[in-house]
């Protein structure tokens, strides 16, 4: 999904980035490959049927980990140790920062635009994340879904984000790797770009008139 054609000449003043999949390599497989060893198929079944992305999404929306883990253990007692690891060893799901995208954030900021992060993330685990990625301190503001009790692609989090930081939708670019989040941002009047890779993002931002280097 390329950058949305702009219907007017409103100048872009801010760029908001998603975190996981765009700037940070968060993936449960980083942890569960250690626990399942060479049985990749069993790991994929576990993540598709037990500790699912939908279940994880409840934490992004503010549900306490202890509550969600307890409920899932009751439903899958034979998998209790693996389920508890999702909480107790959560930091092992974090990989490296995507440095090529981090470089784009810094170029956007040097160009005089405000930069923000708008991400689905648990309010319990985000404080563990910040010290690992110093670039997070360079943003003008960060809004995490778990802190406000609602997550993308729901419209409420986008409205909350725009209001909190005093942003005009049509003057704000939103970058996310999930098409549903991009579509929602566009519905609300934001200029939205689906993230594929850093090189493509550079092209999309340059088409929007944002002076970043060519890929």
N, C-alpha and C. Protein backbone atom coordinates (compact mmCIF):
# COMPACT_ATOMS: atom_id res chain seq x y z
N UNK A 1 0.86 -1.19 0.00
CA UNK A 1 0.00 0.00 0.00
C UNK A 1 0.90 1.24 0.00
N UNK A 2 0.97 1.94 -1.12
CA UNK A 2 1.83 3.13 -1.19
C UNK A 2 1.27 4.27 -0.39
N UNK A 3 2.07 5.33 -0.31
CA UNK A 3 1.60 6.52 0.39
C UNK A 3 0.33 7.03 -0.27
N UNK A 4 -0.59 7.49 0.53
CA UNK A 4 -1.87 7.99 0.02
C UNK A 4 -1.66 9.28 -0.75
N UNK A 5 -2.24 9.38 -1.96
CA UNK A 5 -2.15 10.64 -2.69
C UNK A 5 -2.77 11.76 -1.86
N UNK A 6 -2.12 12.89 -1.83
CA UNK A 6 -2.61 13.99 -1.02
C UNK A 6 -3.63 14.82 -1.79
N UNK A 7 -4.74 15.10 -1.13
CA UNK A 7 -5.83 15.81 -1.79
C UNK A 7 -5.67 17.32 -1.69
N UNK A 8 -4.77 17.78 -0.83
CA UNK A 8 -4.58 19.22 -0.71
C UNK A 8 -3.12 19.51 -0.45
N UNK A 9 -2.81 20.77 -0.26
CA UNK A 9 -1.41 21.17 -0.13
C UNK A 9 -1.01 21.40 1.32
N UNK A 10 -1.76 20.83 2.26
CA UNK A 10 -1.40 21.00 3.66
C UNK A 10 0.01 20.49 3.91
N UNK A 11 0.82 21.32 4.53
CA UNK A 11 2.20 20.93 4.78
C UNK A 11 2.27 19.89 5.89
N UNK A 12 3.10 18.88 5.68
CA UNK A 12 3.32 17.88 6.71
C UNK A 12 4.18 18.50 7.82
N UNK A 13 3.73 18.34 9.06
CA UNK A 13 4.48 18.89 10.20
C UNK A 13 4.92 17.82 11.18
N UNK A 14 4.37 16.59 11.06
CA UNK A 14 4.70 15.54 12.03
C UNK A 14 4.65 14.17 11.35
N UNK A 15 5.47 13.26 11.86
CA UNK A 15 5.49 11.89 11.36
C UNK A 15 5.44 10.95 12.57
N UNK A 16 4.48 10.03 12.55
CA UNK A 16 4.31 9.07 13.64
C UNK A 16 4.66 7.67 13.15
N UNK A 17 5.45 6.97 13.92
CA UNK A 17 5.92 5.63 13.56
C UNK A 17 5.34 4.58 14.51
N UNK A 18 4.90 3.47 13.94
CA UNK A 18 4.65 2.28 14.74
C UNK A 18 6.00 1.76 15.24
N UNK A 19 6.00 0.93 16.27
CA UNK A 19 7.26 0.41 16.81
C UNK A 19 7.54 -1.02 16.35
N UNK A 20 6.78 -1.99 16.84
CA UNK A 20 7.04 -3.37 16.48
C UNK A 20 6.86 -3.63 14.99
N UNK A 21 7.89 -4.17 14.36
CA UNK A 21 7.84 -4.45 12.93
C UNK A 21 8.31 -3.31 12.06
N UNK A 22 8.43 -2.12 12.64
CA UNK A 22 8.89 -0.94 11.90
C UNK A 22 10.23 -0.46 12.45
N UNK A 23 10.32 -0.32 13.76
CA UNK A 23 11.54 0.17 14.40
C UNK A 23 12.18 -0.85 15.33
N UNK A 24 11.37 -1.79 15.82
CA UNK A 24 11.85 -2.78 16.80
C UNK A 24 11.47 -4.18 16.34
N UNK A 25 12.42 -5.09 16.44
CA UNK A 25 12.18 -6.49 16.07
C UNK A 25 11.62 -7.24 17.28
N UNK A 26 10.30 -7.10 17.48
CA UNK A 26 9.63 -7.89 18.52
C UNK A 26 9.00 -9.11 17.88
N UNK A 27 9.31 -10.29 18.41
CA UNK A 27 8.76 -11.51 17.85
C UNK A 27 8.81 -12.61 18.91
N UNK A 28 7.68 -13.21 19.28
CA UNK A 28 7.70 -14.29 20.27
C UNK A 28 8.61 -15.45 19.89
N UNK A 29 8.87 -15.60 18.62
CA UNK A 29 9.72 -16.71 18.17
C UNK A 29 11.15 -16.58 18.68
N UNK A 30 11.59 -15.37 18.96
CA UNK A 30 12.93 -15.21 19.53
C UNK A 30 13.05 -15.99 20.84
N UNK A 31 11.99 -16.01 21.63
CA UNK A 31 11.96 -16.77 22.88
C UNK A 31 11.65 -18.24 22.63
N UNK A 32 10.58 -18.50 21.87
CA UNK A 32 10.08 -19.87 21.81
C UNK A 32 10.95 -20.81 20.98
N UNK A 33 11.80 -20.27 20.14
CA UNK A 33 12.76 -21.16 19.48
C UNK A 33 13.73 -21.77 20.50
N UNK A 34 14.01 -21.04 21.56
CA UNK A 34 14.85 -21.57 22.64
C UNK A 34 14.12 -22.69 23.37
N UNK A 35 12.82 -22.57 23.52
CA UNK A 35 12.05 -23.51 24.32
C UNK A 35 11.63 -24.75 23.53
N UNK A 36 11.42 -24.59 22.23
CA UNK A 36 11.00 -25.72 21.40
C UNK A 36 12.16 -26.38 20.66
N UNK A 37 13.33 -25.77 20.70
CA UNK A 37 14.48 -26.35 20.02
C UNK A 37 14.25 -26.44 18.52
N UNK A 38 14.49 -27.60 17.96
CA UNK A 38 14.39 -27.77 16.51
C UNK A 38 12.97 -28.07 16.04
N UNK A 39 12.02 -28.19 16.96
CA UNK A 39 10.64 -28.52 16.57
C UNK A 39 9.89 -27.25 16.20
N UNK A 40 10.22 -26.71 15.04
CA UNK A 40 9.61 -25.47 14.55
C UNK A 40 8.10 -25.61 14.39
N UNK A 41 7.66 -26.77 13.93
CA UNK A 41 6.23 -26.98 13.69
C UNK A 41 5.45 -26.91 15.00
N UNK A 42 5.99 -27.51 16.05
CA UNK A 42 5.31 -27.47 17.36
C UNK A 42 5.25 -26.04 17.88
N UNK A 43 6.31 -25.30 17.69
CA UNK A 43 6.32 -23.90 18.12
C UNK A 43 5.24 -23.11 17.39
N UNK A 44 5.14 -23.30 16.09
CA UNK A 44 4.14 -22.56 15.31
C UNK A 44 2.73 -22.94 15.73
N UNK A 45 2.50 -24.21 16.04
CA UNK A 45 1.17 -24.62 16.52
C UNK A 45 0.86 -23.95 17.85
N UNK A 46 1.83 -23.89 18.73
CA UNK A 46 1.64 -23.26 20.03
C UNK A 46 1.27 -21.78 19.88
N UNK A 47 1.98 -21.09 19.00
CA UNK A 47 1.72 -19.66 18.82
C UNK A 47 0.43 -19.41 18.05
N UNK A 48 0.00 -20.37 17.27
CA UNK A 48 -1.26 -20.21 16.51
C UNK A 48 -2.47 -20.61 17.33
N UNK A 49 -2.28 -21.51 18.31
CA UNK A 49 -3.42 -22.08 19.02
C UNK A 49 -3.48 -21.74 20.50
N UNK A 50 -2.36 -21.37 21.11
CA UNK A 50 -2.34 -21.12 22.55
C UNK A 50 -1.99 -19.65 22.81
N UNK A 51 -0.73 -19.29 22.77
CA UNK A 51 -0.32 -17.88 22.96
C UNK A 51 -0.43 -17.15 21.63
N UNK A 52 -1.65 -16.83 21.26
CA UNK A 52 -1.91 -16.25 19.94
C UNK A 52 -1.70 -14.74 19.93
N UNK A 53 -1.63 -14.19 18.74
CA UNK A 53 -1.54 -12.74 18.61
C UNK A 53 -2.79 -12.06 19.14
N UNK A 54 -3.94 -12.72 18.98
CA UNK A 54 -5.19 -12.16 19.49
C UNK A 54 -5.14 -12.07 21.02
N UNK A 55 -4.64 -13.11 21.66
CA UNK A 55 -4.48 -13.12 23.12
C UNK A 55 -3.50 -12.03 23.56
N UNK A 56 -2.40 -11.92 22.85
CA UNK A 56 -1.43 -10.87 23.15
C UNK A 56 -2.06 -9.48 23.00
N UNK A 57 -2.97 -9.35 22.04
CA UNK A 57 -3.63 -8.07 21.81
C UNK A 57 -4.40 -7.57 23.01
N UNK A 58 -4.88 -8.47 23.86
CA UNK A 58 -5.58 -8.05 25.08
C UNK A 58 -4.63 -7.29 26.01
N UNK A 59 -3.37 -7.71 26.06
CA UNK A 59 -2.39 -7.01 26.89
C UNK A 59 -2.11 -5.62 26.32
N UNK A 60 -2.06 -5.54 24.99
CA UNK A 60 -1.88 -4.25 24.34
C UNK A 60 -3.01 -3.29 24.68
N UNK A 61 -4.18 -3.85 24.94
CA UNK A 61 -5.35 -3.02 25.26
C UNK A 61 -5.49 -2.76 26.75
N UNK A 62 -4.51 -3.22 27.55
CA UNK A 62 -4.52 -2.89 28.96
C UNK A 62 -4.79 -4.02 29.92
N UNK A 63 -5.04 -5.23 29.42
CA UNK A 63 -5.30 -6.34 30.33
C UNK A 63 -4.04 -6.71 31.09
N UNK A 64 -4.11 -6.95 32.39
CA UNK A 64 -2.92 -7.36 33.15
C UNK A 64 -2.41 -8.72 32.69
N UNK A 65 -1.10 -8.86 32.61
CA UNK A 65 -0.51 -10.13 32.20
C UNK A 65 -0.93 -11.26 33.14
N UNK A 66 -0.90 -11.01 34.44
CA UNK A 66 -1.21 -12.06 35.41
C UNK A 66 -2.59 -12.64 35.16
N UNK A 67 -3.55 -11.78 34.82
CA UNK A 67 -4.91 -12.23 34.56
C UNK A 67 -4.99 -13.07 33.30
N UNK A 68 -4.39 -12.58 32.23
CA UNK A 68 -4.44 -13.29 30.96
C UNK A 68 -3.71 -14.62 31.00
N UNK A 69 -2.56 -14.64 31.67
CA UNK A 69 -1.79 -15.87 31.79
C UNK A 69 -2.54 -16.90 32.63
N UNK A 70 -3.10 -16.47 33.74
CA UNK A 70 -3.84 -17.38 34.62
C UNK A 70 -5.01 -18.03 33.88
N UNK A 71 -5.73 -17.25 33.12
CA UNK A 71 -6.87 -17.78 32.37
C UNK A 71 -6.42 -18.79 31.33
N UNK A 72 -5.33 -18.49 30.64
CA UNK A 72 -4.86 -19.39 29.59
C UNK A 72 -4.28 -20.68 30.18
N UNK A 73 -3.61 -20.59 31.30
CA UNK A 73 -3.09 -21.79 31.96
C UNK A 73 -4.24 -22.70 32.38
N UNK A 74 -5.33 -22.12 32.86
CA UNK A 74 -6.49 -22.91 33.24
C UNK A 74 -7.07 -23.66 32.05
N UNK A 75 -6.99 -23.04 30.88
CA UNK A 75 -7.53 -23.67 29.67
C UNK A 75 -6.56 -24.69 29.07
N UNK A 76 -5.24 -24.50 29.32
CA UNK A 76 -4.21 -25.39 28.76
C UNK A 76 -3.20 -25.76 29.86
N UNK A 77 -3.64 -26.50 30.86
CA UNK A 77 -2.73 -26.79 31.98
C UNK A 77 -1.48 -27.56 31.57
N UNK A 78 -1.56 -28.34 30.51
CA UNK A 78 -0.40 -29.10 30.05
C UNK A 78 0.67 -28.20 29.43
N UNK A 79 0.31 -26.95 29.13
CA UNK A 79 1.24 -25.99 28.52
C UNK A 79 1.63 -24.88 29.49
N UNK A 80 1.39 -25.11 30.78
CA UNK A 80 1.54 -24.04 31.78
C UNK A 80 2.92 -23.40 31.76
N UNK A 81 3.97 -24.19 31.70
CA UNK A 81 5.31 -23.63 31.75
C UNK A 81 5.59 -22.74 30.55
N UNK A 82 5.15 -23.19 29.38
CA UNK A 82 5.35 -22.40 28.16
C UNK A 82 4.54 -21.11 28.20
N UNK A 83 3.34 -21.17 28.75
CA UNK A 83 2.50 -19.97 28.84
C UNK A 83 3.11 -18.97 29.82
N UNK A 84 3.54 -19.44 30.96
CA UNK A 84 4.15 -18.54 31.95
C UNK A 84 5.40 -17.87 31.37
N UNK A 85 6.11 -18.56 30.50
CA UNK A 85 7.31 -17.98 29.91
C UNK A 85 6.99 -16.73 29.10
N UNK A 86 5.78 -16.67 28.55
CA UNK A 86 5.38 -15.50 27.75
C UNK A 86 5.47 -14.23 28.59
N UNK A 87 5.18 -14.37 29.87
CA UNK A 87 5.26 -13.22 30.78
C UNK A 87 6.64 -13.11 31.43
N UNK A 88 7.08 -14.20 32.03
CA UNK A 88 8.30 -14.15 32.82
C UNK A 88 9.56 -13.92 31.97
N UNK A 89 9.52 -14.35 30.72
CA UNK A 89 10.69 -14.21 29.85
C UNK A 89 10.39 -13.32 28.66
N UNK A 90 9.44 -12.42 28.85
CA UNK A 90 8.97 -11.57 27.75
C UNK A 90 10.12 -10.81 27.07
N UNK A 91 11.09 -10.33 27.83
CA UNK A 91 12.17 -9.53 27.25
C UNK A 91 12.97 -10.31 26.20
N UNK A 92 12.93 -11.64 26.28
CA UNK A 92 13.65 -12.44 25.30
C UNK A 92 12.96 -12.47 23.94
N UNK A 93 11.79 -11.85 23.83
CA UNK A 93 11.11 -11.71 22.54
C UNK A 93 11.63 -10.50 21.77
N UNK A 94 12.43 -9.68 22.42
CA UNK A 94 12.94 -8.47 21.78
C UNK A 94 14.23 -8.76 21.01
N UNK A 95 14.25 -8.33 19.76
CA UNK A 95 15.46 -8.41 18.96
C UNK A 95 16.10 -7.03 18.86
N UNK A 96 16.84 -6.83 17.81
CA UNK A 96 17.53 -5.55 17.62
C UNK A 96 16.58 -4.48 17.10
N UNK A 97 17.02 -3.25 17.20
CA UNK A 97 16.33 -2.17 16.50
C UNK A 97 16.60 -2.30 15.00
N UNK A 98 15.65 -1.86 14.19
CA UNK A 98 15.87 -1.80 12.75
C UNK A 98 16.57 -0.47 12.45
N UNK A 99 17.88 -0.52 12.40
CA UNK A 99 18.67 0.71 12.35
C UNK A 99 18.42 1.54 11.10
N UNK A 100 18.08 0.90 9.99
CA UNK A 100 17.82 1.67 8.77
C UNK A 100 16.58 2.54 8.93
N UNK A 101 15.60 2.04 9.69
CA UNK A 101 14.40 2.85 9.93
C UNK A 101 14.67 3.90 11.00
N UNK A 102 15.46 3.54 12.00
CA UNK A 102 15.84 4.53 13.01
C UNK A 102 16.53 5.71 12.36
N UNK A 103 17.37 5.44 11.35
CA UNK A 103 18.06 6.51 10.63
C UNK A 103 17.06 7.45 9.95
N UNK A 104 15.95 6.88 9.46
CA UNK A 104 14.93 7.72 8.82
C UNK A 104 14.26 8.62 9.85
N UNK A 105 13.98 8.09 11.04
CA UNK A 105 13.40 8.92 12.10
C UNK A 105 14.29 10.14 12.35
N UNK A 106 15.57 9.91 12.42
CA UNK A 106 16.49 11.00 12.72
C UNK A 106 16.58 12.00 11.57
N UNK A 107 16.49 11.52 10.35
CA UNK A 107 16.50 12.45 9.20
C UNK A 107 15.24 13.30 9.19
N UNK A 108 14.11 12.68 9.49
CA UNK A 108 12.85 13.43 9.55
C UNK A 108 12.94 14.52 10.62
N UNK A 109 13.51 14.18 11.75
CA UNK A 109 13.64 15.14 12.84
C UNK A 109 14.59 16.28 12.45
N UNK A 110 15.70 15.93 11.79
CA UNK A 110 16.65 16.97 11.35
C UNK A 110 16.03 17.90 10.32
N UNK A 111 15.04 17.40 9.60
CA UNK A 111 14.36 18.22 8.60
C UNK A 111 13.39 19.21 9.24
N UNK A 112 13.25 19.14 10.57
CA UNK A 112 12.41 20.11 11.28
C UNK A 112 11.01 19.64 11.58
N UNK A 113 10.70 18.37 11.31
CA UNK A 113 9.38 17.84 11.61
C UNK A 113 9.38 17.19 12.99
N UNK A 114 8.23 17.20 13.64
CA UNK A 114 8.09 16.51 14.92
C UNK A 114 7.93 15.02 14.66
N UNK A 115 8.51 14.20 15.53
CA UNK A 115 8.42 12.75 15.37
C UNK A 115 7.78 12.13 16.61
N UNK A 116 6.97 11.11 16.37
CA UNK A 116 6.23 10.45 17.43
C UNK A 116 6.23 8.94 17.21
N UNK A 117 5.91 8.22 18.27
CA UNK A 117 5.64 6.79 18.17
C UNK A 117 4.20 6.54 18.62
N UNK A 118 3.49 5.73 17.85
CA UNK A 118 2.13 5.33 18.18
C UNK A 118 2.07 3.82 17.99
N UNK A 119 2.00 3.09 19.10
CA UNK A 119 2.20 1.64 19.00
C UNK A 119 1.28 0.86 19.92
N UNK A 120 0.86 -0.32 19.46
CA UNK A 120 0.22 -1.28 20.34
C UNK A 120 1.29 -1.95 21.19
N UNK A 121 1.17 -1.79 22.52
CA UNK A 121 2.18 -2.34 23.42
C UNK A 121 1.59 -2.37 24.83
N UNK A 122 1.93 -3.38 25.58
CA UNK A 122 1.47 -3.48 26.96
C UNK A 122 2.11 -2.40 27.82
N UNK A 123 1.31 -1.81 28.69
CA UNK A 123 1.86 -0.81 29.62
C UNK A 123 2.79 -1.46 30.64
N UNK A 124 2.65 -2.77 30.84
CA UNK A 124 3.53 -3.47 31.78
C UNK A 124 4.91 -3.72 31.19
N UNK A 125 4.97 -4.01 29.90
CA UNK A 125 6.24 -4.39 29.30
C UNK A 125 6.97 -3.22 28.64
N UNK A 126 6.28 -2.15 28.31
CA UNK A 126 6.97 -1.06 27.63
C UNK A 126 8.07 -0.44 28.49
N UNK A 127 7.88 -0.29 29.81
CA UNK A 127 8.98 0.24 30.62
C UNK A 127 10.24 -0.63 30.56
N UNK A 128 10.08 -1.92 30.30
CA UNK A 128 11.23 -2.81 30.15
C UNK A 128 11.91 -2.61 28.80
N UNK A 129 11.15 -2.08 27.87
CA UNK A 129 11.63 -1.91 26.50
C UNK A 129 12.47 -0.65 26.33
N UNK A 130 12.06 0.42 26.96
CA UNK A 130 12.68 1.73 26.71
C UNK A 130 14.19 1.76 26.92
N UNK A 131 14.71 1.21 28.01
CA UNK A 131 16.16 1.30 28.19
C UNK A 131 16.96 0.55 27.13
N UNK A 132 16.33 -0.42 26.49
CA UNK A 132 17.03 -1.24 25.49
C UNK A 132 17.21 -0.50 24.16
N UNK A 133 16.36 0.47 23.92
CA UNK A 133 16.38 1.19 22.63
C UNK A 133 16.47 2.69 22.90
N UNK A 134 17.67 3.21 23.05
CA UNK A 134 17.84 4.63 23.40
C UNK A 134 17.19 5.60 22.41
N UNK A 135 17.03 5.20 21.17
CA UNK A 135 16.43 6.12 20.20
C UNK A 135 15.02 6.53 20.59
N UNK A 136 14.35 5.74 21.43
CA UNK A 136 12.99 6.09 21.84
C UNK A 136 12.93 7.43 22.55
N UNK A 137 14.02 7.80 23.20
CA UNK A 137 14.05 9.07 23.92
C UNK A 137 14.12 10.27 22.98
N UNK A 138 14.35 10.02 21.70
CA UNK A 138 14.48 11.12 20.73
C UNK A 138 13.14 11.58 20.17
N UNK A 139 12.08 10.82 20.41
CA UNK A 139 10.77 11.21 19.90
C UNK A 139 10.23 12.41 20.68
N UNK A 140 9.39 13.18 19.99
CA UNK A 140 8.71 14.29 20.65
C UNK A 140 7.59 13.79 21.56
N UNK A 141 7.13 12.59 21.33
CA UNK A 141 6.10 12.01 22.17
C UNK A 141 5.85 10.56 21.78
N UNK A 142 5.39 9.77 22.73
CA UNK A 142 5.09 8.35 22.51
C UNK A 142 3.73 8.06 23.14
N UNK A 143 2.87 7.38 22.38
CA UNK A 143 1.60 6.91 22.92
C UNK A 143 1.55 5.40 22.76
N UNK A 144 1.41 4.70 23.88
CA UNK A 144 1.34 3.26 23.93
C UNK A 144 -0.09 2.84 24.24
N UNK A 145 -0.60 1.87 23.49
CA UNK A 145 -2.00 1.49 23.62
C UNK A 145 -2.38 1.06 25.03
N UNK A 146 -1.50 0.28 25.67
CA UNK A 146 -1.83 -0.21 27.00
C UNK A 146 -2.02 0.88 28.03
N UNK A 147 -1.43 2.05 27.78
CA UNK A 147 -1.55 3.16 28.73
C UNK A 147 -2.92 3.82 28.66
N UNK A 148 -3.59 3.68 27.50
CA UNK A 148 -4.89 4.35 27.34
C UNK A 148 -6.04 3.34 27.22
N UNK A 149 -5.72 2.03 27.25
CA UNK A 149 -6.74 1.01 27.29
C UNK A 149 -7.48 0.77 25.99
N UNK A 150 -6.88 1.14 24.88
CA UNK A 150 -7.46 0.86 23.57
C UNK A 150 -6.34 0.76 22.56
N UNK A 151 -6.53 -0.05 21.52
CA UNK A 151 -5.43 -0.31 20.61
C UNK A 151 -5.86 -0.14 19.16
N UNK A 152 -4.85 -0.03 18.31
CA UNK A 152 -5.10 0.00 16.87
C UNK A 152 -5.65 -1.37 16.43
N UNK A 153 -6.54 -1.41 15.46
CA UNK A 153 -6.97 -0.31 14.59
C UNK A 153 -8.20 0.46 15.07
N UNK A 154 -8.55 0.36 16.33
CA UNK A 154 -9.69 1.13 16.82
C UNK A 154 -9.47 2.62 16.63
N UNK A 155 -10.50 3.37 16.26
CA UNK A 155 -10.33 4.80 16.00
C UNK A 155 -9.99 5.61 17.24
N UNK A 156 -10.37 5.10 18.42
CA UNK A 156 -10.18 5.88 19.65
C UNK A 156 -8.72 6.21 19.92
N UNK A 157 -7.82 5.26 19.67
CA UNK A 157 -6.42 5.52 19.98
C UNK A 157 -5.84 6.57 19.05
N UNK A 158 -6.28 6.58 17.80
CA UNK A 158 -5.80 7.61 16.87
C UNK A 158 -6.30 8.98 17.30
N UNK A 159 -7.56 9.06 17.68
CA UNK A 159 -8.11 10.34 18.13
C UNK A 159 -7.41 10.82 19.39
N UNK A 160 -7.15 9.88 20.30
CA UNK A 160 -6.45 10.23 21.53
C UNK A 160 -5.05 10.75 21.22
N UNK A 161 -4.38 10.08 20.30
CA UNK A 161 -3.03 10.48 19.91
C UNK A 161 -3.01 11.89 19.34
N UNK A 162 -3.89 12.17 18.41
CA UNK A 162 -3.93 13.49 17.78
C UNK A 162 -4.24 14.58 18.80
N UNK A 163 -5.19 14.29 19.69
CA UNK A 163 -5.57 15.29 20.70
C UNK A 163 -4.45 15.52 21.71
N UNK A 164 -3.82 14.43 22.17
CA UNK A 164 -2.78 14.57 23.20
C UNK A 164 -1.64 15.45 22.72
N UNK A 165 -1.24 15.30 21.47
CA UNK A 165 -0.07 16.03 20.99
C UNK A 165 -0.42 17.23 20.11
N UNK A 166 -1.71 17.56 20.05
CA UNK A 166 -2.14 18.75 19.32
C UNK A 166 -1.84 18.69 17.84
N UNK A 167 -2.10 17.52 17.23
CA UNK A 167 -1.75 17.31 15.82
C UNK A 167 -2.97 17.45 14.91
N UNK A 168 -2.75 17.96 13.73
CA UNK A 168 -3.77 18.04 12.70
C UNK A 168 -3.67 16.79 11.83
N UNK A 169 -4.76 16.04 11.63
CA UNK A 169 -4.66 14.77 10.90
C UNK A 169 -4.00 14.89 9.53
N UNK A 170 -4.45 15.87 8.74
CA UNK A 170 -3.94 15.97 7.37
C UNK A 170 -2.50 16.46 7.30
N UNK A 171 -1.97 16.94 8.42
CA UNK A 171 -0.57 17.37 8.46
C UNK A 171 0.33 16.35 9.15
N UNK A 172 -0.26 15.16 9.42
CA UNK A 172 0.47 14.12 10.15
C UNK A 172 0.58 12.86 9.32
N UNK A 173 1.79 12.38 9.11
CA UNK A 173 2.02 11.10 8.43
C UNK A 173 2.07 10.00 9.48
N UNK A 174 1.38 8.88 9.20
CA UNK A 174 1.41 7.72 10.09
C UNK A 174 1.97 6.54 9.32
N UNK A 175 2.94 5.85 9.94
CA UNK A 175 3.63 4.72 9.29
C UNK A 175 3.42 3.47 10.12
N UNK A 176 2.91 2.41 9.49
CA UNK A 176 2.62 1.17 10.20
C UNK A 176 2.78 0.01 9.21
N UNK A 177 3.14 -1.16 9.74
CA UNK A 177 3.31 -2.32 8.85
C UNK A 177 2.02 -3.10 8.64
N UNK A 178 0.96 -2.77 9.37
CA UNK A 178 -0.29 -3.52 9.24
C UNK A 178 -1.31 -2.71 8.44
N UNK A 179 -1.85 -3.31 7.39
CA UNK A 179 -2.74 -2.59 6.48
C UNK A 179 -4.00 -2.06 7.16
N UNK A 180 -4.54 -2.79 8.15
CA UNK A 180 -5.75 -2.33 8.82
C UNK A 180 -5.51 -1.04 9.60
N UNK A 181 -4.33 -0.93 10.19
CA UNK A 181 -3.99 0.30 10.92
C UNK A 181 -3.82 1.48 9.97
N UNK A 182 -3.21 1.20 8.82
CA UNK A 182 -3.02 2.23 7.80
C UNK A 182 -4.38 2.71 7.29
N UNK A 183 -5.27 1.75 7.02
CA UNK A 183 -6.59 2.11 6.52
C UNK A 183 -7.37 2.96 7.52
N UNK A 184 -7.26 2.60 8.80
CA UNK A 184 -7.98 3.38 9.83
C UNK A 184 -7.44 4.80 9.91
N UNK A 185 -6.12 4.94 9.87
CA UNK A 185 -5.54 6.28 9.93
C UNK A 185 -6.04 7.13 8.76
N UNK A 186 -6.13 6.53 7.59
CA UNK A 186 -6.63 7.28 6.42
C UNK A 186 -8.08 7.68 6.60
N UNK A 187 -8.88 6.79 7.18
CA UNK A 187 -10.29 7.11 7.42
C UNK A 187 -10.43 8.35 8.30
N UNK A 188 -9.47 8.53 9.20
CA UNK A 188 -9.52 9.64 10.14
C UNK A 188 -8.80 10.89 9.62
N UNK A 189 -8.38 10.85 8.36
CA UNK A 189 -7.82 12.03 7.72
C UNK A 189 -6.32 12.15 7.76
N UNK A 190 -5.63 11.16 8.35
CA UNK A 190 -4.18 11.21 8.39
C UNK A 190 -3.59 10.77 7.05
N UNK A 191 -2.35 11.16 6.80
CA UNK A 191 -1.63 10.70 5.62
C UNK A 191 -0.91 9.43 6.05
N UNK A 192 -1.30 8.28 5.51
CA UNK A 192 -0.81 7.01 6.03
C UNK A 192 0.01 6.24 5.00
N UNK A 193 1.06 5.60 5.50
CA UNK A 193 1.99 4.85 4.66
C UNK A 193 2.14 3.45 5.26
N UNK A 194 1.99 2.42 4.42
CA UNK A 194 2.25 1.07 4.92
C UNK A 194 3.74 0.75 4.79
N UNK A 195 4.33 0.34 5.91
CA UNK A 195 5.76 0.04 5.93
C UNK A 195 6.03 -1.33 5.32
N UNK A 196 6.96 -1.35 4.37
CA UNK A 196 7.42 -2.60 3.77
C UNK A 196 8.88 -2.82 4.14
N UNK A 197 9.69 -1.81 3.86
CA UNK A 197 11.09 -1.82 4.27
C UNK A 197 11.58 -0.38 4.25
N UNK A 198 12.80 -0.16 4.74
CA UNK A 198 13.30 1.20 4.87
C UNK A 198 13.46 1.89 3.53
N UNK A 199 13.91 1.15 2.52
CA UNK A 199 14.11 1.76 1.20
C UNK A 199 12.79 2.26 0.62
N UNK A 200 11.75 1.44 0.73
CA UNK A 200 10.44 1.86 0.22
C UNK A 200 9.89 3.03 1.02
N UNK A 201 10.12 3.03 2.33
CA UNK A 201 9.65 4.13 3.16
C UNK A 201 10.31 5.44 2.74
N UNK A 202 11.58 5.38 2.43
CA UNK A 202 12.26 6.60 1.95
C UNK A 202 11.58 7.13 0.68
N UNK A 203 11.24 6.24 -0.23
CA UNK A 203 10.57 6.66 -1.47
C UNK A 203 9.23 7.32 -1.15
N UNK A 204 8.46 6.67 -0.25
CA UNK A 204 7.13 7.20 0.08
C UNK A 204 7.22 8.58 0.75
N UNK A 205 8.17 8.73 1.63
CA UNK A 205 8.31 10.03 2.32
C UNK A 205 8.77 11.12 1.36
N UNK A 206 9.65 10.77 0.45
CA UNK A 206 10.12 11.75 -0.54
C UNK A 206 8.96 12.17 -1.45
N UNK A 207 8.07 11.23 -1.79
CA UNK A 207 6.91 11.57 -2.61
C UNK A 207 5.98 12.53 -1.86
N UNK A 208 6.00 12.49 -0.54
CA UNK A 208 5.19 13.39 0.28
C UNK A 208 5.88 14.72 0.54
N UNK A 209 7.08 14.87 -0.01
CA UNK A 209 7.80 16.14 0.12
C UNK A 209 8.66 16.22 1.37
N UNK A 210 8.88 15.10 2.03
CA UNK A 210 9.71 15.10 3.25
C UNK A 210 11.15 14.83 2.82
N UNK A 211 12.08 15.72 3.17
CA UNK A 211 13.45 15.65 2.63
C UNK A 211 14.33 14.62 3.34
N UNK A 212 14.10 13.34 3.02
CA UNK A 212 15.01 12.30 3.47
C UNK A 212 15.85 11.85 2.28
N UNK A 213 16.99 11.24 2.56
CA UNK A 213 17.86 10.78 1.50
C UNK A 213 17.20 9.66 0.71
N UNK A 214 17.58 9.53 -0.54
CA UNK A 214 17.08 8.43 -1.36
C UNK A 214 17.64 7.10 -0.85
N UNK A 215 16.88 6.03 -1.03
CA UNK A 215 17.31 4.72 -0.55
C UNK A 215 18.44 4.14 -1.39
